[in-house]
Amino acid sequence: MNQTDLWTVGTIIGLTLVTVVTRAFFFFSSKPWSPPQWVQRGMDYAPIAALAAVVVPEIVMTQGMLVATLKDARIVAAVVGAAWYYWRRGVLGTIASGMAVYLPLHLGLGW
C-alpha cells in the first residue's frame, strides 16, 4: 500500500468513528437526557435551513456564477412551485407543478 491509500483508509476509519460516536452519544448514558429548550428550538429550524442551503444555490447558480438571465427553467419552475405551495399548501403539488414547468422548458426549449 502506498501513502495515499493509507491516508484514504485512515480518513474512512476516522470518519466512521466520528459518525458512530456522535450518533450513539445518547445511548452512552443510562439516564434520559433532553436538550435545553434553546437547542430544541434551534433544531426545529435545522431541516428548513439545510434544505435552503442545498436548494437555493442549485436554483440561482450555474457553474459557480449567479444566473444572469431569467431565461432559466430552474428559476421559472421554482417560482411556479412556490406559487403552488402558497396557493394550496401541498408538497406533492409543489413538486409536480415545478417539474411540469421545468421539464418542457429544459428538455423542449433547451433552457
Protein backbone atom coordinates (compact mmCIF):
# COMPACT_ATOMS: atom_id res chain seq x y z
CA MET A 1 0.00 0.00 0.00
CA ASN A 2 1.29 3.44 -0.79
CA GLN A 3 0.90 6.50 1.41
CA THR A 4 -2.18 7.83 -0.40
CA ASP A 5 -4.00 4.58 0.22
CA LEU A 6 -3.11 4.71 3.92
CA TRP A 7 -4.43 8.28 4.18
CA THR A 8 -7.65 7.21 2.47
CA VAL A 9 -8.13 4.22 4.75
CA GLY A 10 -7.29 6.33 7.82
CA THR A 11 -9.74 9.03 6.77
CA ILE A 12 -12.51 6.49 6.23
CA ILE A 13 -11.86 4.87 9.61
CA GLY A 14 -11.72 8.26 11.36
CA LEU A 15 -14.95 9.46 9.78
CA THR A 16 -16.62 6.17 10.65
CA LEU A 17 -15.59 6.51 14.29
CA VAL A 18 -16.78 10.12 14.48
CA THR A 19 -20.12 9.15 12.93
CA VAL A 20 -20.65 6.18 15.26
CA VAL A 21 -19.69 8.16 18.38
CA THR A 22 -21.89 11.16 17.55
CA ARG A 23 -24.88 9.01 16.63
CA ALA A 24 -24.50 6.71 19.64
CA PHE A 25 -23.84 9.56 22.08
CA PHE A 26 -27.35 9.37 23.51
CA PHE A 27 -27.02 5.64 24.25
CA PHE A 28 -23.92 6.07 26.45
CA SER A 29 -25.89 7.48 29.38
CA SER A 30 -28.29 5.35 31.40
CA LYS A 31 -30.34 8.41 32.39
CA PRO A 32 -32.81 10.01 29.99
CA TRP A 33 -31.47 13.21 28.51
CA SER A 34 -33.30 16.01 26.77
CA PRO A 35 -31.59 19.01 25.21
CA PRO A 36 -32.09 22.51 26.60
CA GLN A 37 -35.03 24.48 25.24
CA TRP A 38 -32.84 26.75 23.10
CA VAL A 39 -31.27 23.71 21.40
CA GLN A 40 -34.69 22.17 20.78
CA ARG A 41 -35.94 25.44 19.29
CA GLY A 42 -32.89 25.60 17.03
CA MET A 43 -33.44 22.01 15.89
CA ASP A 44 -36.92 22.97 14.72
CA TYR A 45 -35.29 25.19 12.08
CA ALA A 46 -32.44 22.86 11.10
CA PRO A 47 -34.28 20.94 8.34
CA ILE A 48 -35.50 24.15 6.72
CA ALA A 49 -32.04 25.71 6.88
CA ALA A 50 -30.40 22.59 5.44
CA LEU A 51 -32.93 22.40 2.62
CA ALA A 52 -32.44 26.07 1.78
CA ALA A 53 -28.66 25.65 1.84
CA VAL A 54 -28.90 22.86 -0.74
CA VAL A 55 -31.76 24.02 -2.95
CA VAL A 56 -31.24 27.79 -3.27
CA PRO A 57 -27.71 27.63 -4.74
CA GLU A 58 -28.88 24.98 -7.19
CA ILE A 59 -31.64 27.27 -8.42
CA VAL A 60 -29.80 30.60 -8.65
CA MET A 61 -26.29 29.49 -9.65
CA THR A 62 -24.73 27.68 -12.55
CA GLN A 63 -21.06 26.66 -12.65
CA GLY A 64 -20.33 28.79 -9.59
CA MET A 65 -21.82 32.00 -11.02
CA LEU A 66 -25.20 33.62 -10.42
CA VAL A 67 -27.69 33.07 -13.22
CA ALA A 68 -27.58 36.19 -15.39
CA THR A 69 -30.90 35.74 -17.18
CA LEU A 70 -34.45 34.86 -16.24
CA LYS A 71 -34.50 32.51 -19.22
CA ASP A 72 -33.62 29.62 -16.95
CA ALA A 73 -36.02 26.73 -16.43
CA ARG A 74 -34.98 26.30 -12.78
CA ILE A 75 -35.99 29.83 -11.80
CA VAL A 76 -39.34 29.66 -13.57
CA ALA A 77 -40.08 26.22 -12.09
CA ALA A 78 -39.13 27.42 -8.59
CA VAL A 79 -41.47 30.41 -8.90
CA VAL A 80 -44.32 28.18 -10.10
CA GLY A 81 -43.66 25.66 -7.32
CA ALA A 82 -43.59 28.41 -4.69
CA ALA A 83 -46.83 29.85 -6.06
CA TRP A 84 -48.47 26.43 -5.92
CA TYR A 85 -47.35 25.93 -2.34
CA TYR A 86 -48.61 29.38 -1.36
CA TRP A 87 -51.96 28.64 -3.03
CA ARG A 88 -52.57 25.00 -2.00
CA ARG A 89 -50.05 24.23 0.81
CA GLY A 90 -49.28 20.81 -0.65
CA VAL A 91 -45.77 19.43 -1.05
CA LEU A 92 -46.64 16.88 -3.74
CA GLY A 93 -48.42 19.51 -5.82
CA THR A 94 -45.46 21.84 -5.39
CA ILE A 95 -43.07 19.24 -6.77
CA ALA A 96 -45.45 18.21 -9.57
CA SER A 97 -46.17 21.78 -10.69
CA GLY A 98 -42.50 22.75 -10.61
CA MET A 99 -41.49 19.69 -12.62
CA ALA A 100 -44.41 20.20 -15.04
CA VAL A 101 -42.90 23.60 -15.86
CA TYR A 102 -39.23 22.63 -15.63
CA LEU A 103 -39.21 19.58 -17.91
CA PRO A 104 -40.82 21.19 -21.01
CA LEU A 105 -38.68 24.31 -20.66
CA HIS A 106 -35.44 22.39 -20.08
CA LEU A 107 -35.94 19.45 -22.41
CA GLY A 108 -38.22 21.05 -25.00
CA LEU A 109 -36.78 24.55 -25.29
CA GLY A 110 -33.28 23.86 -24.02
CA TRP A 111 -33.38 26.48 -21.26
